[in-house]
N, C-alpha and C. Protein backbone atom coordinates (compact mmCIF):
# COMPACT_ATOMS: atom_id res chain seq x y z
N MET A 1 -16.12 -3.67 -10.46
CA MET A 1 -14.59 -3.32 -9.60
C MET A 1 -14.62 -1.83 -9.85
N PRO A 2 -15.17 -1.35 -8.37
CA PRO A 2 -15.40 0.25 -8.59
C PRO A 2 -13.71 1.28 -8.99
N CYS A 3 -13.80 2.10 -9.81
CA CYS A 3 -12.82 2.96 -9.91
C CYS A 3 -13.01 4.15 -9.26
N LEU A 4 -12.23 4.99 -9.53
CA LEU A 4 -12.19 6.53 -8.70
C LEU A 4 -11.55 7.41 -10.15
N ARG A 5 -12.34 8.12 -10.63
CA ARG A 5 -12.15 8.83 -11.92
C ARG A 5 -11.46 10.27 -11.64
N LEU A 6 -10.28 10.50 -12.70
CA LEU A 6 -9.99 12.02 -12.47
C LEU A 6 -10.83 13.03 -13.25
N PRO A 7 -10.77 14.01 -12.89
CA PRO A 7 -11.24 14.90 -13.75
C PRO A 7 -11.17 14.85 -15.03
N LYS A 8 -12.56 15.38 -15.64
CA LYS A 8 -12.59 15.34 -17.30
C LYS A 8 -10.83 16.16 -18.06
N GLN A 9 -9.98 17.15 -17.66
CA GLN A 9 -9.38 17.94 -17.73
C GLN A 9 -8.06 17.19 -17.36
N SER A 10 -7.96 16.27 -16.53
CA SER A 10 -6.44 15.69 -16.38
C SER A 10 -5.78 15.58 -17.69
N PRO A 11 -4.82 15.30 -17.45
CA PRO A 11 -4.12 15.18 -19.08
C PRO A 11 -4.01 13.43 -19.09
N PRO A 12 -3.79 13.56 -20.22
CA PRO A 12 -3.91 11.66 -20.22
C PRO A 12 -2.51 10.82 -19.56
N GLN A 13 -1.54 11.53 -19.07
CA GLN A 13 -0.46 10.46 -18.68
C GLN A 13 -0.48 10.42 -17.11
N GLN A 14 -1.52 10.79 -16.86
CA GLN A 14 -1.97 11.04 -16.09
C GLN A 14 -2.91 9.38 -14.75
N PRO A 15 -2.69 8.77 -14.37
CA PRO A 15 -3.48 7.32 -14.24
C PRO A 15 -4.38 8.00 -13.76
N GLU A 16 -5.43 7.29 -13.34
CA GLU A 16 -6.65 7.21 -12.46
C GLU A 16 -6.41 6.03 -11.54
N LEU A 17 -6.71 6.36 -10.33
CA LEU A 17 -6.32 5.31 -9.23
C LEU A 17 -7.56 4.20 -9.31
N ARG A 18 -6.60 3.35 -9.19
CA ARG A 18 -7.99 2.08 -9.24
C ARG A 18 -7.66 1.16 -7.81
N PRO A 19 -8.75 1.20 -6.66
CA PRO A 19 -8.64 0.73 -5.64
C PRO A 19 -8.29 -1.44 -5.67
N LYS A 20 -7.25 -1.90 -5.27
CA LYS A 20 -7.30 -3.02 -5.34
C LYS A 20 -8.32 -3.95 -4.71
N LEU A 21 -8.92 -4.89 -5.77
CA LEU A 21 -9.96 -5.79 -5.01
C LEU A 21 -9.87 -7.13 -5.36
N PRO A 22 -8.72 -7.66 -4.48
CA PRO A 22 -8.47 -8.93 -5.02
C PRO A 22 -9.45 -10.41 -4.84
N LEU A 23 -9.71 -10.92 -5.48
CA LEU A 23 -10.44 -12.48 -5.33
C LEU A 23 -9.16 -13.21 -4.61
N LYS A 24 -9.10 -14.69 -4.46
CA LYS A 24 -8.17 -15.17 -3.74
C LYS A 24 -6.89 -15.53 -4.59
N ALA A 25 -6.29 -15.20 -4.02
CA ALA A 25 -4.74 -15.60 -5.28
C ALA A 25 -4.13 -16.87 -4.92
N PRO A 26 -3.79 -16.96 -6.33
CA PRO A 26 -3.24 -18.91 -6.81
C PRO A 26 -1.78 -18.96 -6.00
N LEU A 27 -1.76 -20.05 -5.85
CA LEU A 27 -0.60 -20.82 -5.26
C LEU A 27 0.51 -20.85 -6.01
N GLY A 28 2.18 -20.08 -6.08
CA GLY A 28 2.73 -20.32 -6.92
C GLY A 28 3.42 -19.08 -7.48
N ALA A 29 2.74 -17.69 -7.62
CA ALA A 29 2.92 -16.75 -8.52
C ALA A 29 4.33 -16.25 -7.75
N GLY A 30 5.44 -15.76 -8.41
CA GLY A 30 6.25 -15.09 -7.91
C GLY A 30 6.77 -13.67 -8.19
N ASP A 31 5.57 -13.43 -8.80
CA ASP A 31 5.04 -11.53 -8.47
C ASP A 31 4.44 -11.15 -7.72
N TYR A 32 4.91 -10.39 -6.49
CA TYR A 32 3.73 -9.95 -5.24
C TYR A 32 3.49 -8.50 -5.61
N THR A 33 2.31 -8.20 -4.82
CA THR A 33 1.64 -6.67 -4.88
C THR A 33 1.77 -6.20 -3.67
N VAL A 34 2.13 -5.23 -2.70
CA VAL A 34 1.90 -4.83 -1.38
C VAL A 34 0.50 -4.74 -1.17
N MET A 35 -0.51 -5.32 -0.47
CA MET A 35 -1.76 -4.48 -0.05
C MET A 35 -1.62 -4.17 1.33
N GLY A 36 -0.55 -4.32 2.05
CA GLY A 36 -1.10 -3.52 3.47
C GLY A 36 0.72 -3.99 4.52
N ARG A 37 0.87 -3.62 5.57
CA ARG A 37 1.62 -3.58 6.31
C ARG A 37 1.32 -4.18 7.78
N VAL A 38 1.82 -4.61 8.52
CA VAL A 38 2.01 -4.95 10.03
C VAL A 38 2.60 -3.74 10.39
N ILE A 39 1.78 -3.20 11.26
CA ILE A 39 2.07 -2.08 12.41
C ILE A 39 2.70 -2.02 13.95
N ALA A 40 1.82 -3.14 14.25
CA ALA A 40 2.34 -3.39 15.54
C ALA A 40 1.71 -4.95 16.10
N PRO A 41 2.16 -5.34 17.10
CA PRO A 41 1.05 -6.49 17.62
C PRO A 41 -0.17 -6.01 18.34
N TYR A 42 -0.59 -7.16 18.48
CA TYR A 42 -2.56 -6.14 19.17
C TYR A 42 -2.98 -7.66 20.41
N GLY A 43 -2.58 -7.28 21.33
CA GLY A 43 -2.75 -8.40 22.42
C GLY A 43 -1.85 -8.54 22.93
N ILE A 44 -1.89 -10.19 23.69
CA ILE A 44 -1.02 -10.77 24.15
C ILE A 44 -0.49 -12.25 23.28
N LYS A 45 -1.98 -12.21 22.68
CA LYS A 45 -2.13 -13.91 21.73
C LYS A 45 -1.77 -13.91 20.52
N GLY A 46 -1.04 -13.15 20.35
CA GLY A 46 -0.04 -13.40 18.59
C GLY A 46 -1.28 -12.41 17.78
N TRP A 47 -2.06 -11.89 18.19
CA TRP A 47 -2.62 -10.93 16.96
C TRP A 47 -1.66 -10.16 16.64
N VAL A 48 -1.77 -9.42 15.20
CA VAL A 48 -1.19 -8.68 14.81
C VAL A 48 -2.07 -7.13 14.04
N LYS A 49 -1.58 -5.91 14.39
CA LYS A 49 -2.53 -5.17 13.96
C LYS A 49 -2.03 -4.30 12.25
N ILE A 50 -2.66 -4.41 11.43
CA ILE A 50 -2.65 -4.13 10.06
C ILE A 50 -3.15 -2.68 9.67
N HIS A 51 -2.29 -2.27 8.67
CA HIS A 51 -2.71 -0.95 8.04
C HIS A 51 -2.86 -1.75 6.58
N ALA A 52 -4.30 -1.18 6.00
CA ALA A 52 -4.28 -1.95 4.66
C ALA A 52 -3.90 -0.43 3.90
N PHE A 53 -3.43 -1.15 2.60
CA PHE A 53 -3.30 -0.02 1.37
C PHE A 53 -4.62 0.12 0.24
N THR A 54 -5.57 -0.54 0.47
CA THR A 54 -6.75 -0.85 -0.53
C THR A 54 -7.49 0.19 0.28
N GLN A 55 -8.27 0.90 -0.59
CA GLN A 55 -9.44 2.04 -0.53
C GLN A 55 -10.27 1.50 0.32
N ASP A 56 -10.74 -0.28 0.14
CA ASP A 56 -11.63 -0.65 1.25
C ASP A 56 -11.07 -1.44 2.38
N ARG A 57 -10.26 -1.54 3.06
CA ARG A 57 -9.41 -1.96 3.95
C ARG A 57 -10.24 -3.59 3.95
N ALA A 58 -11.31 -3.92 4.09
CA ALA A 58 -12.12 -4.92 4.47
C ALA A 58 -11.55 -6.33 3.34
N THR A 59 -11.10 -5.30 1.98
CA THR A 59 -11.09 -6.43 0.93
C THR A 59 -9.83 -7.41 1.49
N LEU A 60 -9.49 -7.02 2.40
CA LEU A 60 -7.98 -8.58 2.75
C LEU A 60 -8.58 -9.52 3.45
N LEU A 61 -9.99 -8.94 3.95
CA LEU A 61 -10.79 -10.18 4.75
C LEU A 61 -11.21 -11.16 3.40
N ASP A 62 -11.05 -11.08 2.28
CA ASP A 62 -11.80 -11.61 1.49
C ASP A 62 -10.77 -13.19 0.79
N TYR A 63 -9.23 -13.15 1.32
CA TYR A 63 -7.94 -13.74 1.68
C TYR A 63 -8.49 -15.00 2.82
N ALA A 64 -7.79 -16.07 2.76
CA ALA A 64 -7.92 -17.59 3.25
C ALA A 64 -6.48 -17.23 3.95
N THR A 65 -5.07 -16.68 2.88
CA THR A 65 -3.63 -17.12 2.69
C THR A 65 -3.33 -15.44 2.37
N TRP A 66 -2.08 -14.85 3.23
CA TRP A 66 -1.50 -14.33 2.64
C TRP A 66 -0.41 -14.53 2.66
N TRP A 67 0.76 -13.55 2.07
CA TRP A 67 1.97 -13.80 1.72
C TRP A 67 2.58 -12.91 3.04
N ILE A 68 3.69 -12.82 3.68
CA ILE A 68 4.58 -11.70 4.25
C ILE A 68 5.74 -11.76 3.60
N ARG A 69 6.29 -10.65 3.75
CA ARG A 69 7.94 -10.32 3.67
C ARG A 69 8.11 -9.39 4.82
N PRO A 70 9.37 -9.94 5.63
CA PRO A 70 9.65 -9.10 6.69
C PRO A 70 10.38 -8.02 6.24
N ARG A 71 10.22 -6.97 6.91
CA ARG A 71 10.44 -5.53 6.70
C ARG A 71 12.29 -5.70 6.18
N THR A 72 12.30 -4.69 5.54
CA THR A 72 13.98 -4.47 5.02
C THR A 72 14.61 -4.06 6.28
N GLY A 73 15.97 -4.78 6.46
CA GLY A 73 16.80 -4.46 7.45
C GLY A 73 16.67 -5.53 8.66
N SER A 74 15.65 -5.99 8.72
CA SER A 74 15.20 -7.14 9.88
C SER A 74 16.42 -8.69 9.45
N ALA A 75 16.11 -9.62 10.40
CA ALA A 75 17.21 -10.59 10.83
C ALA A 75 16.33 -11.50 9.32
N GLN A 76 15.02 -11.44 8.90
CA GLN A 76 14.25 -12.29 8.54
C GLN A 76 14.37 -11.75 7.23
N ALA A 77 14.94 -10.97 6.85
CA ALA A 77 14.47 -10.01 5.61
C ALA A 77 14.79 -10.85 4.33
N ALA A 78 16.15 -11.93 4.48
CA ALA A 78 16.41 -12.94 3.55
C ALA A 78 15.68 -13.67 2.75
N GLU A 79 14.51 -14.21 3.96
CA GLU A 79 13.85 -15.06 3.78
C GLU A 79 12.41 -14.65 2.98
N GLY A 80 12.54 -13.19 2.22
CA GLY A 80 11.55 -13.22 1.34
C GLY A 80 9.94 -13.23 1.77
N TRP A 81 9.43 -13.72 0.53
CA TRP A 81 7.75 -14.05 0.77
C TRP A 81 7.25 -14.80 1.08
N GLN A 82 6.88 -15.46 2.41
CA GLN A 82 6.50 -16.36 3.30
C GLN A 82 4.67 -16.35 3.08
N GLU A 83 4.07 -17.44 2.51
CA GLU A 83 2.75 -17.68 2.69
C GLU A 83 2.94 -18.11 4.10
N ILE A 84 1.16 -17.47 4.01
CA ILE A 84 0.93 -17.78 5.92
C ILE A 84 -0.79 -17.73 5.71
N GLU A 85 -0.83 -18.87 6.49
CA GLU A 85 -2.81 -18.54 6.62
C GLU A 85 -3.03 -17.51 8.06
N ILE A 86 -4.23 -17.67 7.65
CA ILE A 86 -4.94 -16.77 8.48
C ILE A 86 -6.00 -17.22 9.06
N GLU A 87 -5.94 -17.62 10.42
CA GLU A 87 -6.83 -17.79 11.38
C GLU A 87 -8.04 -17.13 12.09
N ALA A 88 -7.80 -15.64 11.93
CA ALA A 88 -9.22 -14.81 12.09
C ALA A 88 -8.46 -13.48 11.50
N CYS A 89 -9.61 -12.45 11.68
CA CYS A 89 -9.35 -11.68 10.91
C CYS A 89 -10.66 -10.37 10.94
N ARG A 90 -10.47 -9.34 11.82
CA ARG A 90 -11.50 -8.57 11.56
C ARG A 90 -11.07 -6.58 11.46
N GLU A 91 -12.04 -6.00 11.05
CA GLU A 91 -11.70 -4.54 11.35
C GLU A 91 -11.71 -4.20 12.68
N HIS A 92 -11.10 -3.45 13.17
CA HIS A 92 -10.50 -3.13 14.31
C HIS A 92 -10.63 -1.33 14.19
N GLY A 93 -11.49 -0.68 14.48
CA GLY A 93 -11.30 0.82 14.18
C GLY A 93 -10.77 1.23 12.83
N ALA A 94 -9.67 1.55 12.56
CA ALA A 94 -9.44 1.96 11.46
C ALA A 94 -8.05 1.14 10.54
N ALA A 95 -7.80 0.12 11.54
CA ALA A 95 -6.71 -0.94 11.02
C ALA A 95 -7.76 -2.14 10.60
N LEU A 96 -6.95 -3.54 10.79
CA LEU A 96 -7.77 -4.70 10.85
C LEU A 96 -6.21 -5.19 11.89
N ILE A 97 -7.27 -5.98 12.45
CA ILE A 97 -6.42 -6.99 13.35
C ILE A 97 -6.35 -8.20 12.67
N ALA A 98 -5.33 -9.12 12.93
CA ALA A 98 -5.30 -10.63 12.51
C ALA A 98 -4.76 -11.92 13.56
N GLN A 99 -4.90 -12.98 13.58
CA GLN A 99 -4.67 -13.66 14.36
C GLN A 99 -3.83 -14.83 12.92
N LEU A 100 -2.40 -14.75 12.98
CA LEU A 100 -2.06 -15.93 11.71
C LEU A 100 -1.67 -16.81 12.26
N ALA A 101 -1.43 -18.31 11.45
CA ALA A 101 -1.15 -19.34 11.94
C ALA A 101 0.35 -19.23 12.47
N GLY A 102 0.59 -20.10 13.45
CA GLY A 102 1.97 -20.30 13.86
C GLY A 102 2.62 -18.79 14.67
N ILE A 103 1.72 -18.19 14.97
CA ILE A 103 1.81 -16.84 15.68
C ILE A 103 1.03 -16.89 17.06
N GLY A 104 1.83 -17.19 18.41
CA GLY A 104 0.79 -17.44 19.68
C GLY A 104 1.13 -16.78 20.46
N ASP A 105 2.16 -15.72 20.55
CA ASP A 105 2.60 -14.82 21.46
C ASP A 105 3.01 -13.60 21.08
N ARG A 106 2.75 -12.24 22.08
CA ARG A 106 3.06 -10.85 21.39
C ARG A 106 4.69 -10.91 20.92
N GLU A 107 5.47 -11.53 21.60
CA GLU A 107 6.91 -11.48 21.08
C GLU A 107 7.06 -11.92 19.90
N THR A 108 6.27 -13.29 19.31
CA THR A 108 6.72 -13.67 18.09
C THR A 108 6.00 -12.25 16.96
N ALA A 109 4.96 -12.03 17.76
CA ALA A 109 3.77 -11.15 16.65
C ALA A 109 5.09 -9.99 16.61
N ALA A 110 5.38 -9.49 17.64
CA ALA A 110 6.30 -8.08 17.44
C ALA A 110 7.46 -7.75 16.27
N VAL A 111 8.03 -9.22 16.19
CA VAL A 111 8.90 -9.66 14.91
C VAL A 111 8.17 -9.00 13.62
N LEU A 112 7.25 -9.18 13.32
CA LEU A 112 6.21 -8.90 11.93
C LEU A 112 6.05 -7.48 11.95
N LYS A 113 6.52 -6.82 13.01
CA LYS A 113 6.34 -5.36 12.85
C LYS A 113 7.08 -4.86 11.28
N GLY A 114 6.26 -4.14 10.96
CA GLY A 114 6.82 -3.49 9.34
C GLY A 114 6.76 -4.43 8.22
N ALA A 115 6.26 -5.36 8.80
CA ALA A 115 6.23 -6.73 7.50
C ALA A 115 5.38 -6.24 6.13
N ASP A 116 5.76 -6.50 5.37
CA ASP A 116 4.42 -6.22 4.11
C ASP A 116 3.40 -7.38 3.86
N ILE A 117 2.32 -6.83 3.48
CA ILE A 117 1.18 -8.45 3.14
C ILE A 117 0.62 -7.89 1.87
N GLY A 118 1.18 -9.23 1.20
CA GLY A 118 0.98 -9.05 -0.69
C GLY A 118 0.45 -10.27 -0.90
N VAL A 119 0.07 -10.41 -2.08
CA VAL A 119 -0.83 -11.09 -2.73
C VAL A 119 -0.22 -11.56 -4.30
N PRO A 120 -0.33 -12.38 -4.89
CA PRO A 120 0.38 -12.34 -6.17
C PRO A 120 -0.58 -11.43 -7.21
N ARG A 121 0.36 -10.90 -8.08
CA ARG A 121 -0.41 -9.80 -9.15
C ARG A 121 -1.32 -10.16 -10.09
N ALA A 122 -0.41 -11.81 -10.13
CA ALA A 122 -1.90 -12.42 -11.03
C ALA A 122 -2.69 -12.76 -10.78
N ALA A 123 -3.04 -12.72 -8.96
CA ALA A 123 -4.17 -12.45 -9.51
C ALA A 123 -5.09 -11.80 -9.16
N LEU A 124 -4.64 -10.30 -9.62
CA LEU A 124 -5.12 -9.36 -10.07
C LEU A 124 -5.99 -8.79 -10.75
N PRO A 125 -7.72 -7.91 -11.39
CA PRO A 125 -7.75 -8.04 -12.51
C PRO A 125 -6.99 -7.09 -13.03
N ALA A 126 -6.92 -6.99 -14.41
CA ALA A 126 -5.69 -6.08 -15.41
C ALA A 126 -6.43 -4.43 -15.18
N VAL A 127 -5.57 -3.63 -15.38
CA VAL A 127 -5.79 -2.74 -15.31
C VAL A 127 -5.99 -1.78 -16.85
N SER A 128 -6.48 -0.72 -16.71
CA SER A 128 -6.16 -0.09 -18.38
C SER A 128 -6.02 0.77 -18.55
N ALA A 129 -4.97 1.30 -19.38
CA ALA A 129 -3.80 2.16 -19.58
C ALA A 129 -4.09 3.06 -18.65
N ASN A 130 -5.06 4.36 -18.46
CA ASN A 130 -5.20 5.31 -17.69
C ASN A 130 -5.71 4.78 -16.02
N GLU A 131 -5.23 3.53 -15.80
CA GLU A 131 -5.66 2.87 -14.33
C GLU A 131 -4.19 3.02 -14.15
N ILE A 132 -4.50 2.74 -12.22
CA ILE A 132 -3.28 2.83 -11.79
C ILE A 132 -3.72 1.73 -10.24
N TYR A 133 -3.30 0.91 -9.51
CA TYR A 133 -3.46 0.18 -8.59
C TYR A 133 -2.84 1.16 -7.26
N TYR A 134 -3.56 1.68 -6.11
CA TYR A 134 -3.26 2.68 -4.96
C TYR A 134 -1.97 2.01 -4.38
N SER A 135 -1.51 0.53 -4.43
CA SER A 135 -0.17 -0.12 -3.50
C SER A 135 1.01 0.38 -4.80
N ASP A 136 0.57 0.46 -6.08
CA ASP A 136 1.72 0.57 -6.77
C ASP A 136 1.97 1.69 -6.84
N LEU A 137 1.93 2.72 -6.37
CA LEU A 137 2.26 4.37 -6.15
C LEU A 137 2.96 4.17 -4.19
N VAL A 138 2.52 3.13 -3.49
CA VAL A 138 3.66 3.33 -2.37
C VAL A 138 4.73 2.82 -2.72
N GLY A 139 5.79 3.83 -2.24
CA GLY A 139 7.61 4.02 -2.61
C GLY A 139 7.62 4.19 -3.48
N LEU A 140 6.74 5.41 -4.00
CA LEU A 140 7.27 6.15 -5.34
C LEU A 140 7.96 7.37 -5.12
N ALA A 141 9.22 7.65 -5.65
CA ALA A 141 9.55 9.14 -5.23
C ALA A 141 8.82 10.20 -5.86
N VAL A 142 8.77 11.27 -4.91
CA VAL A 142 7.85 12.26 -5.71
C VAL A 142 8.57 13.36 -5.58
N VAL A 143 8.49 14.29 -6.99
CA VAL A 143 9.58 15.32 -7.78
C VAL A 143 8.81 16.43 -7.98
N ASN A 144 8.86 17.70 -7.12
CA ASN A 144 7.91 18.69 -7.96
C ASN A 144 9.06 19.34 -9.23
N ARG A 145 8.03 20.75 -9.92
CA ARG A 145 8.44 20.76 -11.18
C ARG A 145 9.87 21.82 -11.00
N GLN A 146 10.32 21.79 -9.83
CA GLN A 146 11.97 22.77 -9.61
C GLN A 146 12.85 21.69 -9.42
N GLY A 147 12.50 20.16 -9.81
CA GLY A 147 13.41 18.75 -9.57
C GLY A 147 13.98 18.72 -7.97
N VAL A 148 12.90 19.18 -7.31
CA VAL A 148 13.11 19.13 -5.69
C VAL A 148 12.31 17.77 -5.23
N ARG A 149 13.25 16.53 -4.76
CA ARG A 149 12.65 15.38 -4.09
C ARG A 149 12.07 15.58 -2.71
N MET A 150 10.65 15.35 -3.13
CA MET A 150 9.75 15.31 -1.64
C MET A 150 9.53 14.36 -0.63
N GLY A 151 10.23 13.39 -1.31
CA GLY A 151 9.78 12.39 -0.61
C GLY A 151 9.54 11.05 -1.10
N LEU A 152 8.85 9.97 -0.19
CA LEU A 152 8.60 8.50 -0.66
C LEU A 152 7.28 8.58 -0.41
N VAL A 153 6.30 8.00 -1.36
CA VAL A 153 4.89 7.66 -0.99
C VAL A 153 4.62 6.61 0.34
N ALA A 154 4.45 6.91 1.14
CA ALA A 154 4.00 6.23 2.39
C ALA A 154 2.48 5.64 2.47
N ARG A 155 1.81 6.02 1.82
CA ARG A 155 0.21 5.51 1.64
C ARG A 155 -0.47 6.63 1.07
N VAL A 156 -1.51 5.63 0.29
CA VAL A 156 -2.60 6.50 0.03
C VAL A 156 -3.92 6.13 0.27
N GLN A 157 -4.54 7.45 0.67
CA GLN A 157 -5.60 7.74 1.37
C GLN A 157 -6.94 8.44 0.82
N ASP A 158 -8.16 7.91 0.79
CA ASP A 158 -9.24 8.50 0.60
C ASP A 158 -10.35 9.38 1.03
N PHE A 159 -10.35 10.29 1.42
CA PHE A 159 -10.92 11.16 2.27
C PHE A 159 -12.03 11.29 2.07
N GLY A 160 -13.04 11.09 0.37
CA GLY A 160 -14.09 11.18 -0.27
C GLY A 160 -14.27 11.76 -1.09
N ALA A 161 -13.93 13.46 -1.16
CA ALA A 161 -13.23 13.84 -2.63
C ALA A 161 -12.69 13.80 -3.71
N HIS A 162 -11.57 12.71 -2.94
CA HIS A 162 -10.12 12.33 -3.88
C HIS A 162 -9.29 11.46 -3.38
N PRO A 163 -8.12 10.83 -4.04
CA PRO A 163 -7.28 10.68 -3.21
C PRO A 163 -6.41 11.19 -2.68
N VAL A 164 -6.01 10.97 -1.79
CA VAL A 164 -4.67 12.01 -1.01
C VAL A 164 -3.25 10.85 -0.88
N LEU A 165 -1.86 11.38 -2.02
CA LEU A 165 -0.69 10.64 -1.34
C LEU A 165 -0.24 11.02 -0.55
N CYS A 166 -0.03 10.25 0.59
CA CYS A 166 0.66 10.45 1.95
C CYS A 166 2.51 10.68 1.60
N ILE A 167 3.02 11.54 1.93
CA ILE A 167 4.44 11.05 1.32
C ILE A 167 5.33 11.77 2.41
N THR A 168 6.12 11.00 3.11
CA THR A 168 7.49 10.74 4.02
C THR A 168 8.56 11.17 3.80
N ASP A 169 9.07 12.69 4.14
CA ASP A 169 10.55 13.05 3.52
C ASP A 169 11.57 11.61 4.15
N GLU A 170 12.58 11.69 3.46
CA GLU A 170 13.80 9.95 4.12
C GLU A 170 14.69 10.86 4.95
N ALA A 171 14.62 11.78 4.58
CA ALA A 171 15.38 13.09 5.47
C ALA A 171 15.23 13.47 6.86
N SER A 172 14.10 14.16 6.96
CA SER A 172 13.32 14.63 8.15
C SER A 172 11.81 13.86 8.94
N ALA A 173 11.89 13.51 7.85
CA ALA A 173 10.39 12.45 8.45
C ALA A 173 8.61 13.31 8.73
N VAL A 174 9.24 14.26 7.85
CA VAL A 174 8.45 15.00 7.74
C VAL A 174 7.45 14.56 6.91
N GLU A 175 5.93 14.58 6.94
CA GLU A 175 4.93 14.22 6.09
C GLU A 175 3.98 15.10 5.51
N ARG A 176 4.13 15.13 4.21
CA ARG A 176 2.89 15.80 3.37
C ARG A 176 2.21 15.30 2.72
N MET A 177 0.70 15.59 2.29
CA MET A 177 0.12 15.28 1.88
C MET A 177 -0.61 16.13 0.58
N ILE A 178 -0.55 15.52 -0.28
CA ILE A 178 -1.07 16.00 -2.04
C ILE A 178 -2.30 15.19 -2.58
N PRO A 179 -3.02 15.99 -2.93
CA PRO A 179 -4.30 15.69 -3.36
C PRO A 179 -3.88 14.99 -4.84
N PHE A 180 -4.21 13.69 -5.18
CA PHE A 180 -3.84 12.95 -6.45
C PHE A 180 -5.25 13.28 -7.43
N VAL A 181 -4.56 14.90 -7.73
CA VAL A 181 -5.99 15.32 -8.67
C VAL A 181 -5.22 16.17 -9.77
N ALA A 182 -5.38 16.17 -11.03
CA ALA A 182 -4.89 17.05 -12.28
C ALA A 182 -3.99 18.21 -11.93
N ALA A 183 -4.33 19.18 -11.26
CA ALA A 183 -3.96 19.88 -10.79
C ALA A 183 -2.65 20.17 -10.22
N TYR A 184 -2.55 18.78 -9.23
CA TYR A 184 -1.01 18.88 -8.74
C TYR A 184 0.02 17.63 -8.92
N VAL A 185 -1.00 17.01 -9.86
CA VAL A 185 -0.25 15.91 -10.32
C VAL A 185 -0.31 15.77 -11.54
N ASP A 186 1.54 16.01 -11.78
CA ASP A 186 1.65 16.23 -13.64
C ASP A 186 2.09 14.76 -14.19
N GLY A 187 2.03 13.89 -13.44
CA GLY A 187 2.55 12.29 -14.30
C GLY A 187 2.86 11.41 -12.93
N VAL A 188 2.82 10.15 -13.79
CA VAL A 188 3.14 8.57 -12.83
C VAL A 188 4.02 7.81 -13.78
N ASP A 189 5.64 7.45 -13.28
CA ASP A 189 5.92 6.65 -14.07
C ASP A 189 6.30 5.71 -13.17
N VAL A 190 5.54 4.69 -13.45
CA VAL A 190 6.02 3.59 -12.25
C VAL A 190 6.85 2.65 -12.47
N ALA A 191 7.38 2.25 -13.37
CA ALA A 191 8.67 1.81 -13.94
C ALA A 191 9.69 2.58 -13.74
N ALA A 192 9.68 4.30 -13.70
CA ALA A 192 10.89 4.94 -13.11
C ALA A 192 10.96 5.06 -11.56
N GLY A 193 9.49 4.54 -11.24
CA GLY A 193 9.76 5.05 -9.57
C GLY A 193 9.62 6.42 -9.14
N ARG A 194 8.63 7.21 -10.04
CA ARG A 194 8.50 8.62 -9.98
C ARG A 194 7.05 8.88 -9.96
N ILE A 195 7.14 10.64 -9.08
CA ILE A 195 5.80 10.74 -9.37
C ILE A 195 5.90 12.47 -9.87
N ASP A 196 5.95 12.93 -10.66
CA ASP A 196 6.02 14.60 -10.29
C ASP A 196 4.64 15.17 -10.23
N VAL A 197 5.06 16.38 -9.25
CA VAL A 197 3.73 17.22 -8.92
C VAL A 197 4.27 18.65 -9.11
N ASP A 198 3.22 19.67 -8.62
CA ASP A 198 3.08 20.85 -9.03
C ASP A 198 2.82 21.22 -7.78
N TRP A 199 3.80 21.31 -6.71
CA TRP A 199 3.61 21.26 -5.38
C TRP A 199 5.50 21.80 -4.59
N GLN A 200 5.11 22.70 -3.69
CA GLN A 200 5.90 23.02 -3.32
C GLN A 200 6.63 23.03 -1.40
N LEU A 201 7.69 22.65 -1.15
CA LEU A 201 7.87 22.47 -0.04
C LEU A 201 7.28 22.95 1.51
N ASP A 202 7.21 24.24 1.42
CA ASP A 202 6.35 25.04 2.13
C ASP A 202 5.11 24.96 2.39
N TYR A 203 4.55 24.36 1.60
CA TYR A 203 3.02 24.22 1.28
C TYR A 203 2.28 23.63 2.33
């Protein structure tokens, strides 16, 4: 399972990023990890477009079944995670497109916009003390050394040299991009829901 390693001078409290490379998930697991998100309906026959949070978006193609969680605030949010079979799925540009069982038209597919796609965490390989999965960073608050909250991690992207945190300011919707390297990331505390960084709002 490939890993992205931090520079040798990285402080020990900063975990290295590890892309999720799942196998088929067992049924009945109660703890899910978000692997992607439905971003839009696609076409008129019920297909959906998906943004994957994995380093290699094609890893989601390894599954015959996904788990879908409706977006917060939607009429279906109370339903929680629901298992759904994949009838077809393929890469499409920088995204994935998929035909999900029971979704036969654009209107039904549109209801899934913003829904999370997950797998049971029990299906994923364990990480070491200094590793972290990309999707575990999504949703964490980013705070700089002055105590200023800069926003939430919307996604993690890899442009080749190193992973980059894409952060959205909840108030202004401004997006910032911070390299996930020791020079800028002081520490990650998943339990506290926080990433500490050496970064300014005007960078």
